[in-house]
mmCIF file of all heavy atoms, coordinates in Angstrom:
data_MODEL
# 
_entry.id   MODEL 
# 
loop_
_atom_site.group_PDB 
_atom_site.id 
_atom_site.type_symbol 
_atom_site.label_atom_id 
_atom_site.label_alt_id 
_atom_site.label_comp_id 
_atom_site.label_asym_id 
_atom_site.label_entity_id 
_atom_site.label_seq_id 
_atom_site.pdbx_PDB_ins_code 
_atom_site.Cartn_x 
_atom_site.Cartn_y 
_atom_site.Cartn_z 
_atom_site.occupancy 
_atom_site.B_iso_or_equiv 
_atom_site.pdbx_formal_charge 
_atom_site.auth_seq_id 
_atom_site.auth_comp_id 
_atom_site.auth_asym_id 
_atom_site.auth_atom_id 
_atom_site.pdbx_PDB_model_num 
ATOM 1   N N   . GLY A 1 1  ? -0.014  -13.253 -10.012 1.00 0.00 ? 1  GLY A N   1 
ATOM 2   C CA  . GLY A 1 1  ? -0.122  -12.824 -8.622  1.00 0.00 ? 1  GLY A CA  1 
ATOM 3   C C   . GLY A 1 1  ? 0.821   -11.687 -8.272  1.00 0.00 ? 1  GLY A C   1 
ATOM 4   O O   . GLY A 1 1  ? 0.777   -11.152 -7.160  1.00 0.00 ? 1  GLY A O   1 
ATOM 5   N N   . ARG A 1 2  ? 1.651   -11.298 -9.215  1.00 0.00 ? 2  ARG A N   1 
ATOM 6   C CA  . ARG A 1 2  ? 2.660   -10.277 -8.914  1.00 0.00 ? 2  ARG A CA  1 
ATOM 7   C C   . ARG A 1 2  ? 2.201   -8.864  -9.263  1.00 0.00 ? 2  ARG A C   1 
ATOM 8   O O   . ARG A 1 2  ? 2.810   -7.895  -8.827  1.00 0.00 ? 2  ARG A O   1 
ATOM 9   C CB  . ARG A 1 2  ? 3.960   -10.597 -9.651  1.00 0.00 ? 2  ARG A CB  1 
ATOM 10  C CG  . ARG A 1 2  ? 4.689   -11.798 -9.060  1.00 0.00 ? 2  ARG A CG  1 
ATOM 11  C CD  . ARG A 1 2  ? 6.104   -11.876 -9.595  1.00 0.00 ? 2  ARG A CD  1 
ATOM 12  N NE  . ARG A 1 2  ? 6.133   -12.332 -10.980 1.00 0.00 ? 2  ARG A NE  1 
ATOM 13  C CZ  . ARG A 1 2  ? 6.267   -13.606 -11.318 1.00 0.00 ? 2  ARG A CZ  1 
ATOM 14  N NH1 . ARG A 1 2  ? 6.378   -14.525 -10.385 1.00 0.00 ? 2  ARG A NH1 1 
ATOM 15  N NH2 . ARG A 1 2  ? 6.311   -13.961 -12.583 1.00 0.00 ? 2  ARG A NH2 1 
ATOM 16  N N   . SER A 1 3  ? 1.141   -8.757  -10.035 1.00 0.00 ? 3  SER A N   1 
ATOM 17  C CA  . SER A 1 3  ? 0.620   -7.434  -10.389 1.00 0.00 ? 3  SER A CA  1 
ATOM 18  C C   . SER A 1 3  ? -0.737  -7.240  -9.753  1.00 0.00 ? 3  SER A C   1 
ATOM 19  O O   . SER A 1 3  ? -1.630  -8.085  -9.912  1.00 0.00 ? 3  SER A O   1 
ATOM 20  C CB  . SER A 1 3  ? 0.502   -7.301  -11.908 1.00 0.00 ? 3  SER A CB  1 
ATOM 21  O OG  . SER A 1 3  ? 1.771   -7.389  -12.526 1.00 0.00 ? 3  SER A OG  1 
ATOM 22  N N   . THR A 1 4  ? -0.864  -6.151  -9.021  1.00 0.00 ? 4  THR A N   1 
ATOM 23  C CA  . THR A 1 4  ? -2.126  -5.843  -8.366  1.00 0.00 ? 4  THR A CA  1 
ATOM 24  C C   . THR A 1 4  ? -2.543  -4.419  -8.705  1.00 0.00 ? 4  THR A C   1 
ATOM 25  O O   . THR A 1 4  ? -1.700  -3.559  -8.973  1.00 0.00 ? 4  THR A O   1 
ATOM 26  C CB  . THR A 1 4  ? -2.011  -5.998  -6.845  1.00 0.00 ? 4  THR A CB  1 
ATOM 27  O OG1 . THR A 1 4  ? -0.934  -5.172  -6.366  1.00 0.00 ? 4  THR A OG1 1 
ATOM 28  C CG2 . THR A 1 4  ? -1.732  -7.446  -6.457  1.00 0.00 ? 4  THR A CG2 1 
ATOM 29  N N   . TYR A 1 5  ? -3.840  -4.192  -8.662  1.00 0.00 ? 5  TYR A N   1 
ATOM 30  C CA  . TYR A 1 5  ? -4.404  -2.906  -9.031  1.00 0.00 ? 5  TYR A CA  1 
ATOM 31  C C   . TYR A 1 5  ? -5.485  -2.552  -8.024  1.00 0.00 ? 5  TYR A C   1 
ATOM 32  O O   . TYR A 1 5  ? -6.214  -3.432  -7.559  1.00 0.00 ? 5  TYR A O   1 
ATOM 33  C CB  . TYR A 1 5  ? -5.002  -2.974  -10.445 1.00 0.00 ? 5  TYR A CB  1 
ATOM 34  C CG  . TYR A 1 5  ? -4.037  -3.528  -11.467 1.00 0.00 ? 5  TYR A CG  1 
ATOM 35  C CD1 . TYR A 1 5  ? -3.957  -4.900  -11.676 1.00 0.00 ? 5  TYR A CD1 1 
ATOM 36  C CD2 . TYR A 1 5  ? -3.211  -2.693  -12.184 1.00 0.00 ? 5  TYR A CD2 1 
ATOM 37  C CE1 . TYR A 1 5  ? -3.061  -5.422  -12.603 1.00 0.00 ? 5  TYR A CE1 1 
ATOM 38  C CE2 . TYR A 1 5  ? -2.317  -3.200  -13.112 1.00 0.00 ? 5  TYR A CE2 1 
ATOM 39  C CZ  . TYR A 1 5  ? -2.241  -4.565  -13.313 1.00 0.00 ? 5  TYR A CZ  1 
ATOM 40  O OH  . TYR A 1 5  ? -1.347  -5.080  -14.227 1.00 0.00 ? 5  TYR A OH  1 
ATOM 41  N N   . TYR A 1 6  ? -5.569  -1.262  -7.718  1.00 0.00 ? 6  TYR A N   1 
ATOM 42  C CA  . TYR A 1 6  ? -6.523  -0.822  -6.704  1.00 0.00 ? 6  TYR A CA  1 
ATOM 43  C C   . TYR A 1 6  ? -7.237  0.455   -7.130  1.00 0.00 ? 6  TYR A C   1 
ATOM 44  O O   . TYR A 1 6  ? -6.665  1.306   -7.822  1.00 0.00 ? 6  TYR A O   1 
ATOM 45  C CB  . TYR A 1 6  ? -5.804  -0.547  -5.376  1.00 0.00 ? 6  TYR A CB  1 
ATOM 46  C CG  . TYR A 1 6  ? -5.134  -1.760  -4.796  1.00 0.00 ? 6  TYR A CG  1 
ATOM 47  C CD1 . TYR A 1 6  ? -3.792  -2.023  -5.031  1.00 0.00 ? 6  TYR A CD1 1 
ATOM 48  C CD2 . TYR A 1 6  ? -5.863  -2.654  -4.005  1.00 0.00 ? 6  TYR A CD2 1 
ATOM 49  C CE1 . TYR A 1 6  ? -3.182  -3.152  -4.504  1.00 0.00 ? 6  TYR A CE1 1 
ATOM 50  C CE2 . TYR A 1 6  ? -5.253  -3.784  -3.477  1.00 0.00 ? 6  TYR A CE2 1 
ATOM 51  C CZ  . TYR A 1 6  ? -3.915  -4.024  -3.735  1.00 0.00 ? 6  TYR A CZ  1 
ATOM 52  O OH  . TYR A 1 6  ? -3.318  -5.145  -3.210  1.00 0.00 ? 6  TYR A OH  1 
ATOM 53  N N   . ALA A 1 7  ? -8.463  0.573   -6.674  1.00 0.00 ? 7  ALA A N   1 
ATOM 54  C CA  . ALA A 1 7  ? -9.161  1.845   -6.788  1.00 0.00 ? 7  ALA A CA  1 
ATOM 55  C C   . ALA A 1 7  ? -8.479  2.838   -5.857  1.00 0.00 ? 7  ALA A C   1 
ATOM 56  O O   . ALA A 1 7  ? -7.973  2.470   -4.793  1.00 0.00 ? 7  ALA A O   1 
ATOM 57  C CB  . ALA A 1 7  ? -10.626 1.681   -6.408  1.00 0.00 ? 7  ALA A CB  1 
ATOM 58  N N   . ASP A 1 8  ? -8.485  4.088   -6.242  1.00 0.00 ? 8  ASP A N   1 
ATOM 59  C CA  . ASP A 1 8  ? -7.841  5.116   -5.417  1.00 0.00 ? 8  ASP A CA  1 
ATOM 60  C C   . ASP A 1 8  ? -8.434  5.158   -4.011  1.00 0.00 ? 8  ASP A C   1 
ATOM 61  O O   . ASP A 1 8  ? -7.734  5.429   -3.032  1.00 0.00 ? 8  ASP A O   1 
ATOM 62  C CB  . ASP A 1 8  ? -7.985  6.480   -6.080  1.00 0.00 ? 8  ASP A CB  1 
ATOM 63  C CG  . ASP A 1 8  ? -7.121  6.627   -7.317  1.00 0.00 ? 8  ASP A CG  1 
ATOM 64  O OD1 . ASP A 1 8  ? -6.167  5.824   -7.485  1.00 0.00 ? 8  ASP A OD1 1 
ATOM 65  O OD2 . ASP A 1 8  ? -7.394  7.540   -8.121  1.00 0.00 ? 8  ASP A OD2 1 
ATOM 66  N N   . SER A 1 9  ? -9.713  4.870   -3.906  1.00 0.00 ? 9  SER A N   1 
ATOM 67  C CA  . SER A 1 9  ? -10.397 4.978   -2.619  1.00 0.00 ? 9  SER A CA  1 
ATOM 68  C C   . SER A 1 9  ? -9.946  3.930   -1.602  1.00 0.00 ? 9  SER A C   1 
ATOM 69  O O   . SER A 1 9  ? -10.175 4.093   -0.401  1.00 0.00 ? 9  SER A O   1 
ATOM 70  C CB  . SER A 1 9  ? -11.912 4.869   -2.820  1.00 0.00 ? 9  SER A CB  1 
ATOM 71  O OG  . SER A 1 9  ? -12.238 3.640   -3.437  1.00 0.00 ? 9  SER A OG  1 
ATOM 72  N N   . VAL A 1 10 ? -9.308  2.863   -2.070  1.00 0.00 ? 10 VAL A N   1 
ATOM 73  C CA  . VAL A 1 10 ? -8.887  1.802   -1.143  1.00 0.00 ? 10 VAL A CA  1 
ATOM 74  C C   . VAL A 1 10 ? -7.383  1.604   -1.103  1.00 0.00 ? 10 VAL A C   1 
ATOM 75  O O   . VAL A 1 10 ? -6.874  0.817   -0.301  1.00 0.00 ? 10 VAL A O   1 
ATOM 76  C CB  . VAL A 1 10 ? -9.572  0.455   -1.489  1.00 0.00 ? 10 VAL A CB  1 
ATOM 77  C CG1 . VAL A 1 10 ? -11.085 0.629   -1.568  1.00 0.00 ? 10 VAL A CG1 1 
ATOM 78  C CG2 . VAL A 1 10 ? -9.016  -0.132  -2.786  1.00 0.00 ? 10 VAL A CG2 1 
ATOM 79  N N   . LYS A 1 11 ? -6.679  2.312   -1.971  1.00 0.00 ? 11 LYS A N   1 
ATOM 80  C CA  . LYS A 1 11 ? -5.225  2.144   -2.055  1.00 0.00 ? 11 LYS A CA  1 
ATOM 81  C C   . LYS A 1 11 ? -4.587  2.452   -0.706  1.00 0.00 ? 11 LYS A C   1 
ATOM 82  O O   . LYS A 1 11 ? -4.895  3.451   -0.075  1.00 0.00 ? 11 LYS A O   1 
ATOM 83  C CB  . LYS A 1 11 ? -4.689  3.064   -3.145  1.00 0.00 ? 11 LYS A CB  1 
ATOM 84  C CG  . LYS A 1 11 ? -3.363  2.654   -3.721  1.00 0.00 ? 11 LYS A CG  1 
ATOM 85  C CD  . LYS A 1 11 ? -3.032  3.490   -4.946  1.00 0.00 ? 11 LYS A CD  1 
ATOM 86  C CE  . LYS A 1 11 ? -3.976  3.220   -6.091  1.00 0.00 ? 11 LYS A CE  1 
ATOM 87  N NZ  . LYS A 1 11 ? -3.607  3.971   -7.324  1.00 0.00 ? 11 LYS A NZ  1 
ATOM 88  N N   . GLY A 1 12 ? -3.694  1.573   -0.281  1.00 0.00 ? 12 GLY A N   1 
ATOM 89  C CA  . GLY A 1 12 ? -3.030  1.739   1.001   1.00 0.00 ? 12 GLY A CA  1 
ATOM 90  C C   . GLY A 1 12 ? -3.778  1.131   2.167   1.00 0.00 ? 12 GLY A C   1 
ATOM 91  O O   . GLY A 1 12 ? -3.229  1.004   3.267   1.00 0.00 ? 12 GLY A O   1 
ATOM 92  N N   . ARG A 1 13 ? -5.029  0.757   1.956   1.00 0.00 ? 13 ARG A N   1 
ATOM 93  C CA  . ARG A 1 13 ? -5.830  0.160   3.023   1.00 0.00 ? 13 ARG A CA  1 
ATOM 94  C C   . ARG A 1 13 ? -6.207  -1.286  2.715   1.00 0.00 ? 13 ARG A C   1 
ATOM 95  O O   . ARG A 1 13 ? -6.318  -2.107  3.630   1.00 0.00 ? 13 ARG A O   1 
ATOM 96  C CB  . ARG A 1 13 ? -7.114  0.969   3.247   1.00 0.00 ? 13 ARG A CB  1 
ATOM 97  C CG  . ARG A 1 13 ? -6.885  2.398   3.635   1.00 0.00 ? 13 ARG A CG  1 
ATOM 98  C CD  . ARG A 1 13 ? -8.204  3.088   4.030   1.00 0.00 ? 13 ARG A CD  1 
ATOM 99  N NE  . ARG A 1 13 ? -9.152  3.146   2.922   1.00 0.00 ? 13 ARG A NE  1 
ATOM 100 C CZ  . ARG A 1 13 ? -10.375 2.620   2.962   1.00 0.00 ? 13 ARG A CZ  1 
ATOM 101 N NH1 . ARG A 1 13 ? -10.785 1.991   4.046   1.00 0.00 ? 13 ARG A NH1 1 
ATOM 102 N NH2 . ARG A 1 13 ? -11.186 2.725   1.921   1.00 0.00 ? 13 ARG A NH2 1 
ATOM 103 N N   . PHE A 1 14 ? -6.429  -1.603  1.448   1.00 0.00 ? 14 PHE A N   1 
ATOM 104 C CA  . PHE A 1 14 ? -6.839  -2.945  1.031   1.00 0.00 ? 14 PHE A CA  1 
ATOM 105 C C   . PHE A 1 14 ? -5.675  -3.628  0.317   1.00 0.00 ? 14 PHE A C   1 
ATOM 106 O O   . PHE A 1 14 ? -4.879  -2.982  -0.372  1.00 0.00 ? 14 PHE A O   1 
ATOM 107 C CB  . PHE A 1 14 ? -8.024  -2.870  0.064   1.00 0.00 ? 14 PHE A CB  1 
ATOM 108 C CG  . PHE A 1 14 ? -9.329  -2.442  0.685   1.00 0.00 ? 14 PHE A CG  1 
ATOM 109 C CD1 . PHE A 1 14 ? -9.398  -1.900  1.961   1.00 0.00 ? 14 PHE A CD1 1 
ATOM 110 C CD2 . PHE A 1 14 ? -10.507 -2.576  -0.024  1.00 0.00 ? 14 PHE A CD2 1 
ATOM 111 C CE1 . PHE A 1 14 ? -10.596 -1.511  2.520   1.00 0.00 ? 14 PHE A CE1 1 
ATOM 112 C CE2 . PHE A 1 14 ? -11.727 -2.186  0.517   1.00 0.00 ? 14 PHE A CE2 1 
ATOM 113 C CZ  . PHE A 1 14 ? -11.767 -1.644  1.783   1.00 0.00 ? 14 PHE A CZ  1 
ATOM 114 N N   . THR A 1 15 ? -5.632  -4.944  0.469   1.00 0.00 ? 15 THR A N   1 
ATOM 115 C CA  . THR A 1 15 ? -4.614  -5.741  -0.217  1.00 0.00 ? 15 THR A CA  1 
ATOM 116 C C   . THR A 1 15 ? -5.263  -6.977  -0.829  1.00 0.00 ? 15 THR A C   1 
ATOM 117 O O   . THR A 1 15 ? -5.930  -7.741  -0.127  1.00 0.00 ? 15 THR A O   1 
ATOM 118 C CB  . THR A 1 15 ? -3.507  -6.185  0.743   1.00 0.00 ? 15 THR A CB  1 
ATOM 119 O OG1 . THR A 1 15 ? -2.906  -5.034  1.356   1.00 0.00 ? 15 THR A OG1 1 
ATOM 120 C CG2 . THR A 1 15 ? -2.426  -6.965  0.001   1.00 0.00 ? 15 THR A CG2 1 
ATOM 121 N N   . ILE A 1 16 ? -5.063  -7.154  -2.116  1.00 0.00 ? 16 ILE A N   1 
ATOM 122 C CA  . ILE A 1 16 ? -5.562  -8.350  -2.801  1.00 0.00 ? 16 ILE A CA  1 
ATOM 123 C C   . ILE A 1 16 ? -4.418  -9.338  -2.940  1.00 0.00 ? 16 ILE A C   1 
ATOM 124 O O   . ILE A 1 16 ? -3.265  -8.951  -3.186  1.00 0.00 ? 16 ILE A O   1 
ATOM 125 C CB  . ILE A 1 16 ? -6.170  -7.995  -4.178  1.00 0.00 ? 16 ILE A CB  1 
ATOM 126 C CG1 . ILE A 1 16 ? -6.850  -9.211  -4.789  1.00 0.00 ? 16 ILE A CG1 1 
ATOM 127 C CG2 . ILE A 1 16 ? -5.120  -7.406  -5.114  1.00 0.00 ? 16 ILE A CG2 1 
ATOM 128 C CD1 . ILE A 1 16 ? -7.661  -8.886  -6.054  1.00 0.00 ? 16 ILE A CD1 1 
ATOM 129 N N   . SER A 1 17 ? -4.733  -10.610 -2.764  1.00 0.00 ? 17 SER A N   1 
ATOM 130 C CA  . SER A 1 17 ? -3.725  -11.653 -2.915  1.00 0.00 ? 17 SER A CA  1 
ATOM 131 C C   . SER A 1 17 ? -4.417  -12.917 -3.399  1.00 0.00 ? 17 SER A C   1 
ATOM 132 O O   . SER A 1 17 ? -5.645  -13.020 -3.361  1.00 0.00 ? 17 SER A O   1 
ATOM 133 C CB  . SER A 1 17 ? -2.999  -11.910 -1.595  1.00 0.00 ? 17 SER A CB  1 
ATOM 134 O OG  . SER A 1 17 ? -3.903  -12.360 -0.603  1.00 0.00 ? 17 SER A OG  1 
ATOM 135 N N   . SER A 1 18 ? -3.609  -13.860 -3.849  1.00 0.00 ? 18 SER A N   1 
ATOM 136 C CA  . SER A 1 18 ? -4.190  -15.117 -4.334  1.00 0.00 ? 18 SER A CA  1 
ATOM 137 C C   . SER A 1 18 ? -3.314  -16.286 -3.930  1.00 0.00 ? 18 SER A C   1 
ATOM 138 O O   . SER A 1 18 ? -2.107  -16.139 -3.709  1.00 0.00 ? 18 SER A O   1 
ATOM 139 C CB  . SER A 1 18 ? -4.360  -15.083 -5.853  1.00 0.00 ? 18 SER A CB  1 
ATOM 140 O OG  . SER A 1 18 ? -3.099  -14.942 -6.492  1.00 0.00 ? 18 SER A OG  1 
ATOM 141 N N   . ASP A 1 19 ? -3.960  -17.419 -3.812  1.00 0.00 ? 19 ASP A N   1 
ATOM 142 C CA  . ASP A 1 19 ? -3.277  -18.671 -3.501  1.00 0.00 ? 19 ASP A CA  1 
ATOM 143 C C   . ASP A 1 19 ? -3.688  -19.672 -4.561  1.00 0.00 ? 19 ASP A C   1 
ATOM 144 O O   . ASP A 1 19 ? -4.782  -20.234 -4.493  1.00 0.00 ? 19 ASP A O   1 
ATOM 145 C CB  . ASP A 1 19 ? -3.667  -19.138 -2.094  1.00 0.00 ? 19 ASP A CB  1 
ATOM 146 C CG  . ASP A 1 19 ? -2.885  -20.357 -1.662  1.00 0.00 ? 19 ASP A CG  1 
ATOM 147 O OD1 . ASP A 1 19 ? -2.378  -21.099 -2.525  1.00 0.00 ? 19 ASP A OD1 1 
ATOM 148 O OD2 . ASP A 1 19 ? -2.792  -20.584 -0.443  1.00 0.00 ? 19 ASP A OD2 1 
ATOM 149 N N   . ASN A 1 20 ? -2.833  -19.868 -5.540  1.00 0.00 ? 20 ASN A N   1 
ATOM 150 C CA  . ASN A 1 20 ? -3.179  -20.751 -6.657  1.00 0.00 ? 20 ASN A CA  1 
ATOM 151 C C   . ASN A 1 20 ? -3.361  -22.198 -6.204  1.00 0.00 ? 20 ASN A C   1 
ATOM 152 O O   . ASN A 1 20 ? -4.141  -22.946 -6.803  1.00 0.00 ? 20 ASN A O   1 
ATOM 153 C CB  . ASN A 1 20 ? -2.124  -20.662 -7.744  1.00 0.00 ? 20 ASN A CB  1 
ATOM 154 C CG  . ASN A 1 20 ? -2.253  -19.401 -8.572  1.00 0.00 ? 20 ASN A CG  1 
ATOM 155 O OD1 . ASN A 1 20 ? -3.052  -18.512 -8.247  1.00 0.00 ? 20 ASN A OD1 1 
ATOM 156 N ND2 . ASN A 1 20 ? -1.469  -19.285 -9.619  1.00 0.00 ? 20 ASN A ND2 1 
ATOM 157 N N   . ALA A 1 21 ? -2.664  -22.582 -5.166  1.00 0.00 ? 21 ALA A N   1 
ATOM 158 C CA  . ALA A 1 21 ? -2.799  -23.954 -4.676  1.00 0.00 ? 21 ALA A CA  1 
ATOM 159 C C   . ALA A 1 21 ? -4.189  -24.197 -4.091  1.00 0.00 ? 21 ALA A C   1 
ATOM 160 O O   . ALA A 1 21 ? -4.684  -25.326 -4.091  1.00 0.00 ? 21 ALA A O   1 
ATOM 161 C CB  . ALA A 1 21 ? -1.727  -24.248 -3.639  1.00 0.00 ? 21 ALA A CB  1 
ATOM 162 N N   . LYS A 1 22 ? -4.806  -23.134 -3.587  1.00 0.00 ? 22 LYS A N   1 
ATOM 163 C CA  . LYS A 1 22 ? -6.134  -23.264 -2.970  1.00 0.00 ? 22 LYS A CA  1 
ATOM 164 C C   . LYS A 1 22 ? -7.242  -22.711 -3.862  1.00 0.00 ? 22 LYS A C   1 
ATOM 165 O O   . LYS A 1 22 ? -8.409  -22.688 -3.458  1.00 0.00 ? 22 LYS A O   1 
ATOM 166 C CB  . LYS A 1 22 ? -6.165  -22.534 -1.626  1.00 0.00 ? 22 LYS A CB  1 
ATOM 167 C CG  . LYS A 1 22 ? -5.235  -23.138 -0.585  1.00 0.00 ? 22 LYS A CG  1 
ATOM 168 C CD  . LYS A 1 22 ? -5.365  -22.407 0.737   1.00 0.00 ? 22 LYS A CD  1 
ATOM 169 C CE  . LYS A 1 22 ? -4.476  -23.041 1.800   1.00 0.00 ? 22 LYS A CE  1 
ATOM 170 N NZ  . LYS A 1 22 ? -4.590  -22.350 3.105   1.00 0.00 ? 22 LYS A NZ  1 
ATOM 171 N N   . ASN A 1 23 ? -6.887  -22.229 -5.046  1.00 0.00 ? 23 ASN A N   1 
ATOM 172 C CA  . ASN A 1 23 ? -7.874  -21.614 -5.944  1.00 0.00 ? 23 ASN A CA  1 
ATOM 173 C C   . ASN A 1 23 ? -8.679  -20.532 -5.220  1.00 0.00 ? 23 ASN A C   1 
ATOM 174 O O   . ASN A 1 23 ? -9.908  -20.464 -5.340  1.00 0.00 ? 23 ASN A O   1 
ATOM 175 C CB  . ASN A 1 23 ? -8.827  -22.661 -6.520  1.00 0.00 ? 23 ASN A CB  1 
ATOM 176 C CG  . ASN A 1 23 ? -8.190  -23.475 -7.625  1.00 0.00 ? 23 ASN A CG  1 
ATOM 177 O OD1 . ASN A 1 23 ? -6.977  -23.473 -7.780  1.00 0.00 ? 23 ASN A OD1 1 
ATOM 178 N ND2 . ASN A 1 23 ? -9.015  -24.184 -8.382  1.00 0.00 ? 23 ASN A ND2 1 
ATOM 179 N N   . THR A 1 24 ? -7.975  -19.704 -4.489  1.00 0.00 ? 24 THR A N   1 
ATOM 180 C CA  . THR A 1 24 ? -8.650  -18.718 -3.649  1.00 0.00 ? 24 THR A CA  1 
ATOM 181 C C   . THR A 1 24 ? -7.971  -17.352 -3.803  1.00 0.00 ? 24 THR A C   1 
ATOM 182 O O   . THR A 1 24 ? -6.751  -17.265 -3.877  1.00 0.00 ? 24 THR A O   1 
ATOM 183 C CB  . THR A 1 24 ? -8.607  -19.139 -2.170  1.00 0.00 ? 24 THR A CB  1 
ATOM 184 O OG1 . THR A 1 24 ? -9.267  -20.408 -2.034  1.00 0.00 ? 24 THR A OG1 1 
ATOM 185 C CG2 . THR A 1 24 ? -9.322  -18.126 -1.293  1.00 0.00 ? 24 THR A CG2 1 
ATOM 186 N N   . VAL A 1 25 ? -8.794  -16.332 -3.836  1.00 0.00 ? 25 VAL A N   1 
ATOM 187 C CA  . VAL A 1 25 ? -8.303  -14.959 -3.837  1.00 0.00 ? 25 VAL A CA  1 
ATOM 188 C C   . VAL A 1 25 ? -8.845  -14.268 -2.591  1.00 0.00 ? 25 VAL A C   1 
ATOM 189 O O   . VAL A 1 25 ? -9.958  -14.571 -2.139  1.00 0.00 ? 25 VAL A O   1 
ATOM 190 C CB  . VAL A 1 25 ? -8.714  -14.219 -5.126  1.00 0.00 ? 25 VAL A CB  1 
ATOM 191 C CG1 . VAL A 1 25 ? -10.219 -14.111 -5.249  1.00 0.00 ? 25 VAL A CG1 1 
ATOM 192 C CG2 . VAL A 1 25 ? -8.057  -12.862 -5.209  1.00 0.00 ? 25 VAL A CG2 1 
ATOM 193 N N   . TYR A 1 26 ? -8.034  -13.402 -2.033  1.00 0.00 ? 26 TYR A N   1 
ATOM 194 C CA  . TYR A 1 26 ? -8.369  -12.732 -0.782  1.00 0.00 ? 26 TYR A CA  1 
ATOM 195 C C   . TYR A 1 26 ? -8.392  -11.218 -0.965  1.00 0.00 ? 26 TYR A C   1 
ATOM 196 O O   . TYR A 1 26 ? -7.740  -10.674 -1.847  1.00 0.00 ? 26 TYR A O   1 
ATOM 197 C CB  . TYR A 1 26 ? -7.333  -13.081 0.293   1.00 0.00 ? 26 TYR A CB  1 
ATOM 198 C CG  . TYR A 1 26 ? -7.151  -14.549 0.522   1.00 0.00 ? 26 TYR A CG  1 
ATOM 199 C CD1 . TYR A 1 26 ? -6.119  -15.248 -0.102  1.00 0.00 ? 26 TYR A CD1 1 
ATOM 200 C CD2 . TYR A 1 26 ? -8.014  -15.249 1.367   1.00 0.00 ? 26 TYR A CD2 1 
ATOM 201 C CE1 . TYR A 1 26 ? -5.944  -16.608 0.108   1.00 0.00 ? 26 TYR A CE1 1 
ATOM 202 C CE2 . TYR A 1 26 ? -7.852  -16.606 1.578   1.00 0.00 ? 26 TYR A CE2 1 
ATOM 203 C CZ  . TYR A 1 26 ? -6.822  -17.278 0.947   1.00 0.00 ? 26 TYR A CZ  1 
ATOM 204 O OH  . TYR A 1 26 ? -6.663  -18.621 1.149   1.00 0.00 ? 26 TYR A OH  1 
ATOM 205 N N   . LEU A 1 27 ? -9.134  -10.591 -0.083  1.00 0.00 ? 27 LEU A N   1 
ATOM 206 C CA  . LEU A 1 27 ? -9.109  -9.135  -0.007  1.00 0.00 ? 27 LEU A CA  1 
ATOM 207 C C   . LEU A 1 27 ? -8.994  -8.765  1.470   1.00 0.00 ? 27 LEU A C   1 
ATOM 208 O O   . LEU A 1 27 ? -9.948  -8.906  2.224   1.00 0.00 ? 27 LEU A O   1 
ATOM 209 C CB  . LEU A 1 27 ? -10.360 -8.508  -0.622  1.00 0.00 ? 27 LEU A CB  1 
ATOM 210 C CG  . LEU A 1 27 ? -10.340 -6.982  -0.696  1.00 0.00 ? 27 LEU A CG  1 
ATOM 211 C CD1 . LEU A 1 27 ? -9.273  -6.510  -1.693  1.00 0.00 ? 27 LEU A CD1 1 
ATOM 212 C CD2 . LEU A 1 27 ? -11.705 -6.426  -1.080  1.00 0.00 ? 27 LEU A CD2 1 
# 
């Protein structure tokens, strides 16, 4: 969860995150 990668077109606007306790990833 500490390394994230983005397409140039969304960098600075989108954020990906995850919650392992909930088995869920967010955008």
